[in-house]
Structures are given as C-alpha cells and as structure tokens.
N, C-alpha and C. Protein backbone atom coordinates (compact mmCIF):
# COMPACT_ATOMS: atom_id res chain seq x y z
N MET A 1 -41.46 -65.55 -36.09
CA MET A 1 -40.33 -64.80 -36.60
C MET A 1 -39.24 -64.83 -35.54
N ILE A 2 -38.09 -65.30 -35.94
CA ILE A 2 -36.91 -65.33 -35.07
C ILE A 2 -35.86 -64.49 -35.78
N SER A 3 -35.59 -63.31 -35.25
CA SER A 3 -34.75 -62.36 -35.99
C SER A 3 -33.90 -61.51 -35.06
N GLY A 4 -32.67 -61.25 -35.48
CA GLY A 4 -31.81 -60.31 -34.78
C GLY A 4 -31.25 -60.80 -33.46
N ASN A 5 -31.12 -62.09 -33.29
CA ASN A 5 -30.61 -62.64 -32.03
C ASN A 5 -29.14 -63.00 -32.14
N VAL A 6 -28.45 -62.95 -31.00
CA VAL A 6 -27.11 -63.48 -30.87
C VAL A 6 -27.21 -64.62 -29.87
N ILE A 7 -26.86 -65.82 -30.32
CA ILE A 7 -26.96 -67.02 -29.50
C ILE A 7 -25.57 -67.60 -29.38
N GLU A 8 -25.08 -67.74 -28.15
CA GLU A 8 -23.72 -68.23 -27.92
C GLU A 8 -23.72 -69.36 -26.90
N ASN A 9 -22.79 -70.29 -27.12
CA ASN A 9 -22.50 -71.37 -26.17
C ASN A 9 -23.71 -72.26 -25.89
N ALA A 10 -24.51 -72.52 -26.91
CA ALA A 10 -25.62 -73.47 -26.77
C ALA A 10 -25.06 -74.87 -26.98
N PRO A 11 -25.17 -75.75 -26.00
CA PRO A 11 -24.50 -77.04 -26.10
C PRO A 11 -25.07 -77.96 -27.19
N LYS A 12 -26.37 -77.86 -27.48
CA LYS A 12 -26.96 -78.78 -28.46
C LYS A 12 -27.29 -78.05 -29.76
N TRP A 13 -28.23 -77.11 -29.75
CA TRP A 13 -28.66 -76.37 -30.94
C TRP A 13 -28.70 -74.89 -30.61
N GLY A 14 -28.24 -74.07 -31.54
CA GLY A 14 -28.41 -72.62 -31.38
C GLY A 14 -29.86 -72.23 -31.59
N LEU A 15 -30.45 -72.73 -32.66
CA LEU A 15 -31.87 -72.54 -32.95
C LEU A 15 -32.49 -73.92 -33.11
N MET A 16 -33.72 -74.09 -32.65
CA MET A 16 -34.45 -75.34 -32.85
C MET A 16 -35.79 -74.97 -33.45
N LEU A 17 -36.00 -75.32 -34.71
CA LEU A 17 -37.20 -74.91 -35.43
C LEU A 17 -38.13 -76.09 -35.65
N GLY A 18 -39.25 -76.06 -34.98
CA GLY A 18 -40.30 -77.05 -35.20
C GLY A 18 -40.11 -78.34 -34.46
N TRP A 19 -41.23 -79.05 -34.35
CA TRP A 19 -41.25 -80.36 -33.72
C TRP A 19 -42.22 -81.20 -34.52
N GLY A 20 -41.69 -81.89 -35.51
CA GLY A 20 -42.52 -82.72 -36.37
C GLY A 20 -43.58 -81.91 -37.09
N PRO A 21 -44.78 -82.45 -37.23
CA PRO A 21 -45.84 -81.79 -37.99
C PRO A 21 -46.40 -80.55 -37.28
N TYR A 22 -45.90 -80.25 -36.10
CA TYR A 22 -46.38 -79.08 -35.37
C TYR A 22 -45.71 -77.79 -35.81
N MET A 23 -44.67 -77.89 -36.63
CA MET A 23 -44.02 -76.69 -37.13
C MET A 23 -44.89 -76.09 -38.24
N ARG A 24 -45.05 -74.77 -38.18
CA ARG A 24 -45.78 -74.10 -39.26
C ARG A 24 -45.36 -72.63 -39.32
N GLY A 25 -45.10 -72.18 -40.52
CA GLY A 25 -44.85 -70.77 -40.77
C GLY A 25 -43.77 -70.12 -39.94
N ILE A 26 -42.56 -70.66 -39.97
CA ILE A 26 -41.45 -70.09 -39.20
C ILE A 26 -40.50 -69.36 -40.16
N VAL A 27 -40.06 -68.16 -39.74
CA VAL A 27 -39.02 -67.42 -40.45
C VAL A 27 -37.90 -67.15 -39.46
N ALA A 28 -36.70 -67.61 -39.80
CA ALA A 28 -35.51 -67.36 -38.98
C ALA A 28 -34.52 -66.60 -39.86
N THR A 29 -34.31 -65.32 -39.54
CA THR A 29 -33.47 -64.49 -40.40
C THR A 29 -32.64 -63.51 -39.57
N GLY A 30 -31.42 -63.26 -40.03
CA GLY A 30 -30.57 -62.25 -39.41
C GLY A 30 -30.09 -62.58 -38.02
N ASN A 31 -29.89 -63.85 -37.73
CA ASN A 31 -29.40 -64.27 -36.42
C ASN A 31 -27.92 -64.63 -36.51
N LEU A 32 -27.23 -64.50 -35.38
CA LEU A 32 -25.85 -64.94 -35.25
C LEU A 32 -25.83 -66.06 -34.23
N VAL A 33 -25.37 -67.23 -34.66
CA VAL A 33 -25.22 -68.38 -33.76
C VAL A 33 -23.74 -68.71 -33.70
N ARG A 34 -23.21 -68.66 -32.49
CA ARG A 34 -21.77 -68.83 -32.29
C ARG A 34 -21.53 -69.86 -31.19
N SER A 35 -20.59 -70.76 -31.44
CA SER A 35 -20.17 -71.77 -30.46
C SER A 35 -21.34 -72.61 -29.98
N ALA A 36 -21.88 -73.41 -30.91
CA ALA A 36 -23.00 -74.29 -30.59
C ALA A 36 -22.72 -75.68 -31.14
N GLY A 37 -23.47 -76.65 -30.64
CA GLY A 37 -23.36 -78.01 -31.18
C GLY A 37 -23.74 -78.02 -32.65
N SER A 38 -24.94 -77.57 -32.95
CA SER A 38 -25.42 -77.33 -34.32
C SER A 38 -25.94 -75.91 -34.35
N GLY A 39 -25.80 -75.27 -35.50
CA GLY A 39 -26.31 -73.91 -35.61
C GLY A 39 -27.82 -73.86 -35.52
N CYS A 40 -28.47 -74.69 -36.33
CA CYS A 40 -29.93 -74.68 -36.41
C CYS A 40 -30.42 -76.10 -36.65
N ALA A 41 -31.27 -76.57 -35.79
CA ALA A 41 -31.96 -77.85 -36.00
C ALA A 41 -33.34 -77.53 -36.55
N VAL A 42 -33.72 -78.21 -37.61
CA VAL A 42 -35.04 -77.98 -38.21
C VAL A 42 -35.68 -79.34 -38.49
N THR A 43 -36.98 -79.42 -38.25
CA THR A 43 -37.67 -80.69 -38.46
C THR A 43 -37.79 -81.02 -39.94
N VAL A 44 -37.56 -82.28 -40.27
CA VAL A 44 -37.78 -82.78 -41.62
C VAL A 44 -38.81 -83.92 -41.60
N VAL A 45 -39.63 -83.93 -40.57
CA VAL A 45 -40.70 -84.92 -40.44
C VAL A 45 -41.79 -84.61 -41.47
N GLU A 46 -42.35 -85.65 -42.07
CA GLU A 46 -43.44 -85.48 -43.03
C GLU A 46 -44.58 -84.72 -42.37
N GLY A 47 -45.19 -83.82 -43.14
CA GLY A 47 -46.32 -83.05 -42.63
C GLY A 47 -45.94 -81.76 -41.93
N ALA A 48 -44.64 -81.49 -41.81
CA ALA A 48 -44.20 -80.24 -41.18
C ALA A 48 -44.57 -79.07 -42.08
N GLY A 49 -44.84 -77.92 -41.47
CA GLY A 49 -45.13 -76.71 -42.22
C GLY A 49 -43.86 -76.07 -42.74
N THR A 50 -44.01 -74.89 -43.26
CA THR A 50 -42.92 -74.18 -43.93
C THR A 50 -41.97 -73.51 -42.95
N ALA A 51 -40.68 -73.55 -43.29
CA ALA A 51 -39.66 -72.79 -42.56
C ALA A 51 -38.78 -72.08 -43.57
N VAL A 52 -38.57 -70.80 -43.36
CA VAL A 52 -37.67 -69.99 -44.18
C VAL A 52 -36.49 -69.62 -43.30
N ILE A 53 -35.30 -70.05 -43.70
CA ILE A 53 -34.08 -69.83 -42.93
C ILE A 53 -33.13 -69.04 -43.83
N THR A 54 -33.02 -67.73 -43.56
CA THR A 54 -32.27 -66.86 -44.46
C THR A 54 -31.35 -65.91 -43.70
N ASN A 55 -30.23 -65.61 -44.34
CA ASN A 55 -29.32 -64.55 -43.91
C ASN A 55 -28.87 -64.66 -42.45
N ASN A 56 -28.60 -65.88 -42.02
CA ASN A 56 -28.05 -66.11 -40.69
C ASN A 56 -26.56 -66.39 -40.79
N LEU A 57 -25.83 -66.09 -39.74
CA LEU A 57 -24.40 -66.36 -39.68
C LEU A 57 -24.15 -67.39 -38.60
N PHE A 58 -23.48 -68.48 -38.98
CA PHE A 58 -23.16 -69.57 -38.07
C PHE A 58 -21.64 -69.64 -37.93
N GLN A 59 -21.14 -69.49 -36.70
CA GLN A 59 -19.71 -69.53 -36.44
C GLN A 59 -19.40 -70.57 -35.39
N ASP A 60 -18.37 -71.35 -35.62
CA ASP A 60 -17.90 -72.34 -34.65
C ASP A 60 -19.03 -73.25 -34.19
N VAL A 61 -19.73 -73.83 -35.18
CA VAL A 61 -20.78 -74.81 -34.88
C VAL A 61 -20.22 -76.19 -35.20
N LYS A 62 -20.15 -77.05 -34.22
CA LYS A 62 -19.43 -78.31 -34.32
C LYS A 62 -20.02 -79.28 -35.34
N ASP A 63 -21.35 -79.43 -35.34
CA ASP A 63 -21.99 -80.44 -36.19
C ASP A 63 -22.52 -79.91 -37.51
N GLY A 64 -22.41 -78.61 -37.74
CA GLY A 64 -22.88 -78.02 -38.98
C GLY A 64 -23.84 -76.87 -38.73
N ALA A 65 -24.18 -76.17 -39.81
CA ALA A 65 -24.99 -74.96 -39.70
C ALA A 65 -26.49 -75.27 -39.57
N VAL A 66 -27.05 -76.01 -40.53
CA VAL A 66 -28.49 -76.31 -40.53
C VAL A 66 -28.63 -77.82 -40.70
N ILE A 67 -29.15 -78.47 -39.68
CA ILE A 67 -29.25 -79.92 -39.66
C ILE A 67 -30.73 -80.33 -39.55
N GLY A 68 -31.14 -81.28 -40.38
CA GLY A 68 -32.50 -81.79 -40.33
C GLY A 68 -32.65 -82.88 -39.27
N TYR A 69 -33.74 -82.80 -38.51
CA TYR A 69 -34.02 -83.77 -37.45
C TYR A 69 -35.39 -84.39 -37.64
N ARG A 70 -35.49 -85.64 -37.30
CA ARG A 70 -36.77 -86.34 -37.14
C ARG A 70 -36.91 -86.57 -35.65
N TRP A 71 -37.69 -85.69 -35.05
CA TRP A 71 -37.84 -85.64 -33.60
C TRP A 71 -36.47 -85.38 -32.98
N ASN A 72 -35.94 -86.25 -32.17
CA ASN A 72 -34.62 -86.02 -31.55
C ASN A 72 -33.47 -86.62 -32.35
N ASP A 73 -33.78 -87.29 -33.45
CA ASP A 73 -32.76 -88.00 -34.21
C ASP A 73 -32.27 -87.18 -35.40
N LYS A 74 -30.97 -87.06 -35.51
CA LYS A 74 -30.35 -86.37 -36.64
C LYS A 74 -30.65 -87.17 -37.91
N ALA A 75 -31.23 -86.50 -38.92
CA ALA A 75 -31.66 -87.19 -40.14
C ALA A 75 -30.90 -86.75 -41.39
N THR A 76 -30.15 -85.66 -41.31
CA THR A 76 -29.44 -85.16 -42.49
C THR A 76 -28.05 -84.70 -42.09
N GLY A 77 -27.25 -84.45 -43.10
CA GLY A 77 -26.01 -83.72 -42.90
C GLY A 77 -26.34 -82.24 -42.87
N ASP A 78 -25.35 -81.43 -43.12
CA ASP A 78 -25.55 -79.98 -43.11
C ASP A 78 -26.31 -79.55 -44.36
N LEU A 79 -27.56 -79.16 -44.20
CA LEU A 79 -28.41 -78.76 -45.32
C LEU A 79 -27.93 -77.47 -45.97
N LEU A 80 -27.10 -76.72 -45.28
CA LEU A 80 -26.53 -75.52 -45.87
C LEU A 80 -25.57 -75.90 -47.01
N MET A 81 -24.94 -77.05 -46.89
CA MET A 81 -23.98 -77.50 -47.90
C MET A 81 -24.68 -78.19 -49.07
N HIS A 82 -25.65 -79.05 -48.79
CA HIS A 82 -26.39 -79.75 -49.85
C HIS A 82 -27.55 -80.52 -49.23
N GLY A 83 -28.55 -80.81 -50.05
CA GLY A 83 -29.65 -81.65 -49.63
C GLY A 83 -30.93 -80.95 -49.26
N SER A 84 -30.91 -79.62 -49.10
CA SER A 84 -32.13 -78.93 -48.68
C SER A 84 -33.22 -79.02 -49.74
N GLU A 85 -32.84 -79.19 -51.01
CA GLU A 85 -33.84 -79.28 -52.07
C GLU A 85 -34.73 -80.51 -51.94
N ALA A 86 -34.32 -81.49 -51.16
CA ALA A 86 -35.13 -82.68 -50.94
C ALA A 86 -36.32 -82.41 -50.00
N TYR A 87 -36.34 -81.25 -49.38
CA TYR A 87 -37.39 -80.91 -48.41
C TYR A 87 -38.13 -79.67 -48.90
N ALA A 88 -39.27 -79.89 -49.53
CA ALA A 88 -40.02 -78.80 -50.16
C ALA A 88 -40.51 -77.77 -49.14
N HIS A 89 -40.63 -78.14 -47.89
CA HIS A 89 -41.13 -77.22 -46.87
C HIS A 89 -40.04 -76.26 -46.35
N LEU A 90 -38.80 -76.47 -46.77
CA LEU A 90 -37.69 -75.63 -46.31
C LEU A 90 -37.19 -74.70 -47.41
N THR A 91 -36.91 -73.45 -47.04
CA THR A 91 -36.22 -72.52 -47.92
C THR A 91 -34.99 -72.02 -47.19
N LEU A 92 -33.82 -72.28 -47.75
CA LEU A 92 -32.55 -71.81 -47.19
C LEU A 92 -31.90 -70.88 -48.21
N SER A 93 -31.53 -69.69 -47.75
CA SER A 93 -30.93 -68.72 -48.66
C SER A 93 -30.09 -67.71 -47.89
N GLY A 94 -28.93 -67.38 -48.41
CA GLY A 94 -28.12 -66.31 -47.87
C GLY A 94 -27.48 -66.59 -46.53
N ASN A 95 -27.51 -67.82 -46.06
CA ASN A 95 -26.88 -68.17 -44.79
C ASN A 95 -25.39 -68.34 -45.01
N ARG A 96 -24.63 -68.16 -43.94
CA ARG A 96 -23.17 -68.26 -44.06
C ARG A 96 -22.60 -69.04 -42.88
N LEU A 97 -21.69 -69.93 -43.20
CA LEU A 97 -20.95 -70.70 -42.20
C LEU A 97 -19.54 -70.15 -42.19
N ALA A 98 -19.12 -69.63 -41.04
CA ALA A 98 -17.79 -69.03 -40.94
C ALA A 98 -16.95 -69.77 -39.91
C-alpha cells in the first residue's frame, strides 16, 4: 500500500510500481506527485501481479502520469489517457493529471 505521500522533484519516476513478474498486489492511492519525469512507472511485463492505481494527483510530470515499462524500457504512452484496458493486471481509476 502506497498512500498519502507527497513526492516532489523526482528526476525519473515519482512512483515506481513493480519489476516484471515480481510485482504483486500493489495499491497506490491518494498520492501527490509533483515535478517528476513520469508520475508513475508501472510494469507491463507478462506475469506481473495486480496493481490498483487510484485517486492520485499528478502535476507537472514531463513524460505523463502513468507509464507502462518493460523493465527499464518505456513500453506505453500515458495509460491515464488511453490503453490501460490492454493490461488486465492494472486498474486505473480517479487519477488526475493537472
């Protein structure tokens, strides 16, 4: 559970959720990520466990709010905008990009 944090000035990712198939049962909710490269990096590697990303606020994130990664490689655009439905292990809801 990652909840109630304020993360500022992170050069690469504000939040980094999972590392390939080693991710399991993560909930990230109610966080504020401000001035980061990406708001949230989340693994989209096959075999990854579930991640629920809800009700977070992303401000001034250069590369987007929620970005899918395959290990260190960016694999998606901003999943907050579109495309999250392609990843059954991810639930995105109530997040805001400001």
